Each structure stands twice: as structure tokens, then as C-alpha cells.
Amino acid sequence: MDTQNQKPRKSFKKALVIIIVLIVLLVAVWLLRSKLPVLNAPDELPSGEFSEDAGTLGDAADDQTSAINEDLGVVDLGDLEQEFKDIDQDLNNL
């Protein structure tokens, strides 16, 4: 008779442990989601307003494009022809 009383208690204990673990997991997920920043799409375009008639961005985007082109013009790539000749020579020596 003692073993019959232990079976319901064991299953009750297992169910109680499972419920407690699920509650702890749900609370952990809720805490993590509440602390992480939410990534939302911006209301406006950061580089300027969209011009619907031309299908391009406004003056701010043109300014950024010209600044990028100026930066690219300043980049020193060295003597690319000589670099390619050296690579070709190394490949031919293989």
C-alpha cells in the first residue's frame, strides 16, 4: 500500500518540477526580450528625403556621394601594373 501512495507523489513532483522549469524559462525569455533594444525602421531616410518624381534621394545623398568620390580619389593604390607584373612572374615561376 505504501508503493501506491508513492507513485502519485512522484508523478506530482515531476509535474511540479516541469511547471517550475517552464515558468523560469518564460521569465528569463521575457527579461531578455525586455532588455534588448528593439530595431525599428526609421521614420525618415537618414541621408535626405526621397524625391518621388525623380526616384532619387535629395541633396543630402548627393553630398554624401560626392564626399565618397573625393575620398576614393585620394586613395593611393600604388603601381598596380607593376604589382600585376610581379604576380604574373611569380605564377610563371611555379
N, C-alpha and C. Protein backbone atom coordinates (compact mmCIF):
# COMPACT_ATOMS: atom_id res chain seq x y z
N MET A 1 0.81 -1.18 0.00
CA MET A 1 0.00 0.00 0.00
C MET A 1 0.87 1.26 0.00
N ASP A 2 2.03 1.14 0.54
CA ASP A 2 2.94 2.27 0.60
C ASP A 2 3.44 2.64 -0.79
N THR A 3 3.64 1.66 -1.69
CA THR A 3 4.13 1.95 -3.04
C THR A 3 3.06 2.64 -3.88
N GLN A 4 1.80 2.37 -3.61
CA GLN A 4 0.73 3.02 -4.36
C GLN A 4 0.67 4.52 -4.04
N ASN A 5 0.96 4.91 -2.83
CA ASN A 5 0.96 6.32 -2.46
C ASN A 5 2.16 7.05 -3.04
N GLN A 6 3.27 6.33 -3.26
CA GLN A 6 4.48 6.97 -3.75
C GLN A 6 4.38 7.29 -5.25
N LYS A 7 3.67 6.47 -6.02
CA LYS A 7 3.55 6.73 -7.45
C LYS A 7 2.87 8.06 -7.75
N PRO A 8 1.72 8.36 -7.16
CA PRO A 8 1.11 9.65 -7.44
C PRO A 8 1.99 10.82 -6.95
N ARG A 9 2.69 10.63 -5.87
CA ARG A 9 3.54 11.70 -5.36
C ARG A 9 4.72 11.94 -6.30
N LYS A 10 5.29 10.86 -6.87
CA LYS A 10 6.41 11.01 -7.79
C LYS A 10 5.96 11.73 -9.06
N SER A 11 4.80 11.34 -9.59
CA SER A 11 4.32 11.99 -10.81
C SER A 11 3.95 13.44 -10.53
N PHE A 12 3.42 13.71 -9.33
CA PHE A 12 3.10 15.08 -8.95
C PHE A 12 4.38 15.91 -8.84
N LYS A 13 5.42 15.34 -8.26
CA LYS A 13 6.69 16.04 -8.12
C LYS A 13 7.30 16.33 -9.48
N LYS A 14 7.23 15.36 -10.40
CA LYS A 14 7.76 15.57 -11.75
C LYS A 14 7.00 16.69 -12.46
N ALA A 15 5.69 16.66 -12.34
CA ALA A 15 4.87 17.69 -12.98
C ALA A 15 5.17 19.06 -12.38
N LEU A 16 5.34 19.11 -11.07
CA LEU A 16 5.65 20.36 -10.40
C LEU A 16 7.01 20.91 -10.84
N VAL A 17 7.99 20.04 -10.97
CA VAL A 17 9.33 20.45 -11.41
C VAL A 17 9.26 20.96 -12.85
N ILE A 18 8.54 20.28 -13.71
CA ILE A 18 8.41 20.70 -15.11
C ILE A 18 7.73 22.07 -15.20
N ILE A 19 6.68 22.28 -14.41
CA ILE A 19 5.98 23.56 -14.41
C ILE A 19 6.88 24.67 -13.92
N ILE A 20 7.65 24.41 -12.88
CA ILE A 20 8.57 25.43 -12.34
C ILE A 20 9.65 25.77 -13.37
N VAL A 21 10.19 24.76 -14.03
CA VAL A 21 11.21 25.00 -15.05
C VAL A 21 10.64 25.82 -16.19
N LEU A 22 9.44 25.52 -16.64
CA LEU A 22 8.80 26.29 -17.71
C LEU A 22 8.57 27.74 -17.31
N ILE A 23 8.14 27.95 -16.07
CA ILE A 23 7.91 29.31 -15.60
C ILE A 23 9.23 30.08 -15.56
N VAL A 24 10.29 29.44 -15.08
CA VAL A 24 11.60 30.10 -15.03
C VAL A 24 12.08 30.44 -16.44
N LEU A 25 11.90 29.53 -17.39
CA LEU A 25 12.30 29.80 -18.77
C LEU A 25 11.50 30.95 -19.38
N LEU A 26 10.21 30.98 -19.14
CA LEU A 26 9.38 32.06 -19.66
C LEU A 26 9.78 33.41 -19.07
N VAL A 27 10.07 33.44 -17.78
CA VAL A 27 10.50 34.68 -17.14
C VAL A 27 11.85 35.12 -17.71
N ALA A 28 12.77 34.18 -17.93
CA ALA A 28 14.09 34.50 -18.49
C ALA A 28 13.95 35.07 -19.90
N VAL A 29 13.12 34.46 -20.72
CA VAL A 29 12.91 34.95 -22.09
C VAL A 29 12.28 36.34 -22.05
N TRP A 30 11.33 36.55 -21.18
CA TRP A 30 10.68 37.85 -21.07
C TRP A 30 11.68 38.92 -20.64
N LEU A 31 12.54 38.60 -19.67
CA LEU A 31 13.54 39.56 -19.22
C LEU A 31 14.54 39.89 -20.31
N LEU A 32 14.98 38.88 -21.05
CA LEU A 32 15.94 39.12 -22.13
C LEU A 32 15.32 39.97 -23.23
N ARG A 33 14.10 39.71 -23.58
CA ARG A 33 13.44 40.48 -24.65
C ARG A 33 13.19 41.90 -24.22
N SER A 34 12.92 42.13 -22.95
CA SER A 34 12.64 43.49 -22.49
C SER A 34 13.92 44.32 -22.39
N LYS A 35 15.07 43.68 -22.22
CA LYS A 35 16.33 44.41 -22.09
C LYS A 35 17.02 44.64 -23.43
N LEU A 36 16.72 43.84 -24.45
CA LEU A 36 17.34 44.02 -25.75
C LEU A 36 16.71 45.21 -26.47
N PRO A 37 17.54 46.01 -27.16
CA PRO A 37 16.97 47.13 -27.90
C PRO A 37 16.16 46.63 -29.09
N VAL A 38 15.11 47.32 -29.37
CA VAL A 38 14.25 46.96 -30.49
C VAL A 38 14.74 47.71 -31.72
N LEU A 39 14.97 46.96 -32.80
CA LEU A 39 15.42 47.57 -34.03
C LEU A 39 14.22 47.88 -34.91
N ASN A 40 13.91 49.15 -35.00
CA ASN A 40 12.78 49.59 -35.82
C ASN A 40 13.31 50.34 -37.02
N ALA A 41 12.57 50.29 -38.08
CA ALA A 41 12.92 51.05 -39.28
C ALA A 41 12.73 52.53 -38.97
N PRO A 42 13.63 53.38 -39.43
CA PRO A 42 13.48 54.80 -39.16
C PRO A 42 12.29 55.37 -39.91
N ASP A 43 11.72 56.41 -39.33
CA ASP A 43 10.57 57.06 -39.97
C ASP A 43 10.99 57.83 -41.21
N GLU A 44 12.21 58.39 -41.19
CA GLU A 44 12.70 59.15 -42.32
C GLU A 44 14.01 58.55 -42.80
N LEU A 45 14.34 58.83 -44.04
CA LEU A 45 15.63 58.40 -44.55
C LEU A 45 16.71 59.27 -43.94
N PRO A 46 17.78 58.68 -43.41
CA PRO A 46 18.80 59.49 -42.75
C PRO A 46 19.61 60.35 -43.71
N SER A 47 19.67 59.98 -44.98
CA SER A 47 20.53 60.71 -45.91
C SER A 47 19.76 61.76 -46.71
N GLY A 48 18.54 61.99 -46.41
CA GLY A 48 17.77 63.00 -47.14
C GLY A 48 16.38 62.49 -47.45
N GLU A 49 15.59 63.34 -47.98
CA GLU A 49 14.23 62.93 -48.30
C GLU A 49 14.17 62.33 -49.69
N PHE A 50 13.22 61.46 -49.88
CA PHE A 50 13.07 60.77 -51.15
C PHE A 50 12.30 61.65 -52.11
N SER A 51 12.86 61.84 -53.27
CA SER A 51 12.20 62.63 -54.30
C SER A 51 11.40 61.68 -55.18
N GLU A 52 10.09 61.75 -55.06
CA GLU A 52 9.24 60.79 -55.78
C GLU A 52 9.26 60.99 -57.29
N ASP A 53 9.36 62.23 -57.71
CA ASP A 53 9.29 62.48 -59.16
C ASP A 53 10.56 62.01 -59.86
N ALA A 54 11.71 62.15 -59.26
CA ALA A 54 12.96 61.74 -59.91
C ALA A 54 13.35 60.32 -59.53
N GLY A 55 12.80 59.82 -58.42
CA GLY A 55 13.15 58.48 -57.98
C GLY A 55 14.53 58.41 -57.36
N THR A 56 15.05 59.53 -56.90
CA THR A 56 16.37 59.56 -56.28
C THR A 56 16.27 60.24 -54.93
N LEU A 57 17.34 60.15 -54.16
CA LEU A 57 17.38 60.83 -52.88
C LEU A 57 17.67 62.30 -53.10
N GLY A 58 17.43 63.11 -52.08
CA GLY A 58 17.60 64.55 -52.20
C GLY A 58 19.06 64.97 -52.19
N ASP A 59 19.28 66.27 -51.91
CA ASP A 59 20.62 66.86 -51.95
C ASP A 59 21.58 66.23 -50.95
N ALA A 60 21.08 65.78 -49.81
CA ALA A 60 21.96 65.20 -48.80
C ALA A 60 22.66 63.96 -49.34
N ALA A 61 21.95 63.15 -50.12
CA ALA A 61 22.57 61.96 -50.70
C ALA A 61 23.61 62.34 -51.74
N ASP A 62 23.35 63.40 -52.51
CA ASP A 62 24.32 63.87 -53.49
C ASP A 62 25.59 64.35 -52.80
N ASP A 63 25.43 65.03 -51.67
CA ASP A 63 26.58 65.50 -50.91
C ASP A 63 27.41 64.33 -50.41
N GLN A 64 26.73 63.29 -49.93
CA GLN A 64 27.44 62.12 -49.44
C GLN A 64 28.15 61.40 -50.58
N THR A 65 27.52 61.32 -51.73
CA THR A 65 28.13 60.66 -52.87
C THR A 65 29.37 61.40 -53.33
N SER A 66 29.30 62.72 -53.37
CA SER A 66 30.47 63.48 -53.79
C SER A 66 31.59 63.36 -52.76
N ALA A 67 31.24 63.30 -51.48
CA ALA A 67 32.26 63.13 -50.44
C ALA A 67 32.92 61.77 -50.56
N ILE A 68 32.16 60.74 -50.86
CA ILE A 68 32.72 59.39 -51.03
C ILE A 68 33.62 59.36 -52.25
N ASN A 69 33.18 59.98 -53.34
CA ASN A 69 34.01 60.01 -54.55
C ASN A 69 35.31 60.75 -54.32
N GLU A 70 35.27 61.83 -53.54
CA GLU A 70 36.51 62.54 -53.21
C GLU A 70 37.44 61.66 -52.39
N ASP A 71 36.88 60.94 -51.43
CA ASP A 71 37.70 60.04 -50.61
C ASP A 71 38.31 58.93 -51.46
N LEU A 72 37.55 58.42 -52.42
CA LEU A 72 38.09 57.38 -53.30
C LEU A 72 39.20 57.91 -54.19
N GLY A 73 39.10 59.16 -54.58
CA GLY A 73 40.12 59.76 -55.42
C GLY A 73 41.44 59.94 -54.68
N VAL A 74 41.39 60.06 -53.37
CA VAL A 74 42.59 60.28 -52.57
C VAL A 74 43.32 58.96 -52.27
N VAL A 75 42.63 57.84 -52.39
CA VAL A 75 43.23 56.54 -52.06
C VAL A 75 44.40 56.25 -52.98
N ASP A 76 45.54 55.89 -52.37
CA ASP A 76 46.74 55.58 -53.15
C ASP A 76 46.82 54.06 -53.32
N LEU A 77 46.67 53.60 -54.55
CA LEU A 77 46.72 52.17 -54.82
C LEU A 77 48.12 51.71 -55.20
N GLY A 78 49.03 52.60 -55.32
CA GLY A 78 50.39 52.23 -55.71
C GLY A 78 50.45 51.97 -57.21
N ASP A 79 51.51 51.30 -57.63
CA ASP A 79 51.70 50.98 -59.04
C ASP A 79 51.08 49.61 -59.31
N LEU A 80 49.83 49.63 -59.74
CA LEU A 80 49.11 48.37 -59.95
C LEU A 80 49.71 47.56 -61.10
N GLU A 81 50.15 48.21 -62.13
CA GLU A 81 50.73 47.50 -63.28
C GLU A 81 51.95 46.69 -62.83
N GLN A 82 52.79 47.30 -62.02
CA GLN A 82 53.98 46.60 -61.54
C GLN A 82 53.58 45.44 -60.63
N GLU A 83 52.57 45.65 -59.81
CA GLU A 83 52.08 44.57 -58.93
C GLU A 83 51.59 43.39 -59.77
N PHE A 84 50.83 43.67 -60.82
CA PHE A 84 50.33 42.59 -61.68
C PHE A 84 51.48 41.88 -62.41
N LYS A 85 52.48 42.62 -62.83
CA LYS A 85 53.64 42.01 -63.49
C LYS A 85 54.38 41.10 -62.52
N ASP A 86 54.53 41.54 -61.28
CA ASP A 86 55.19 40.70 -60.27
C ASP A 86 54.40 39.42 -60.01
N ILE A 87 53.08 39.55 -59.95
CA ILE A 87 52.23 38.36 -59.73
C ILE A 87 52.34 37.41 -60.91
N ASP A 88 52.31 37.96 -62.14
CA ASP A 88 52.45 37.12 -63.33
C ASP A 88 53.79 36.40 -63.34
N GLN A 89 54.83 37.11 -62.96
CA GLN A 89 56.15 36.50 -62.94
C GLN A 89 56.23 35.38 -61.90
N ASP A 90 55.63 35.62 -60.72
CA ASP A 90 55.60 34.59 -59.68
C ASP A 90 54.82 33.37 -60.15
N LEU A 91 53.70 33.60 -60.83
CA LEU A 91 52.90 32.48 -61.33
C LEU A 91 53.65 31.69 -62.41
N ASN A 92 54.38 32.38 -63.26
CA ASN A 92 55.13 31.71 -64.30
C ASN A 92 56.29 30.89 -63.74
N ASN A 93 56.80 31.28 -62.59
CA ASN A 93 57.90 30.56 -61.96
C ASN A 93 57.43 29.31 -61.23
N LEU A 94 56.16 29.12 -61.08
CA LEU A 94 55.66 27.96 -60.36
C LEU A 94 55.83 26.71 -61.14
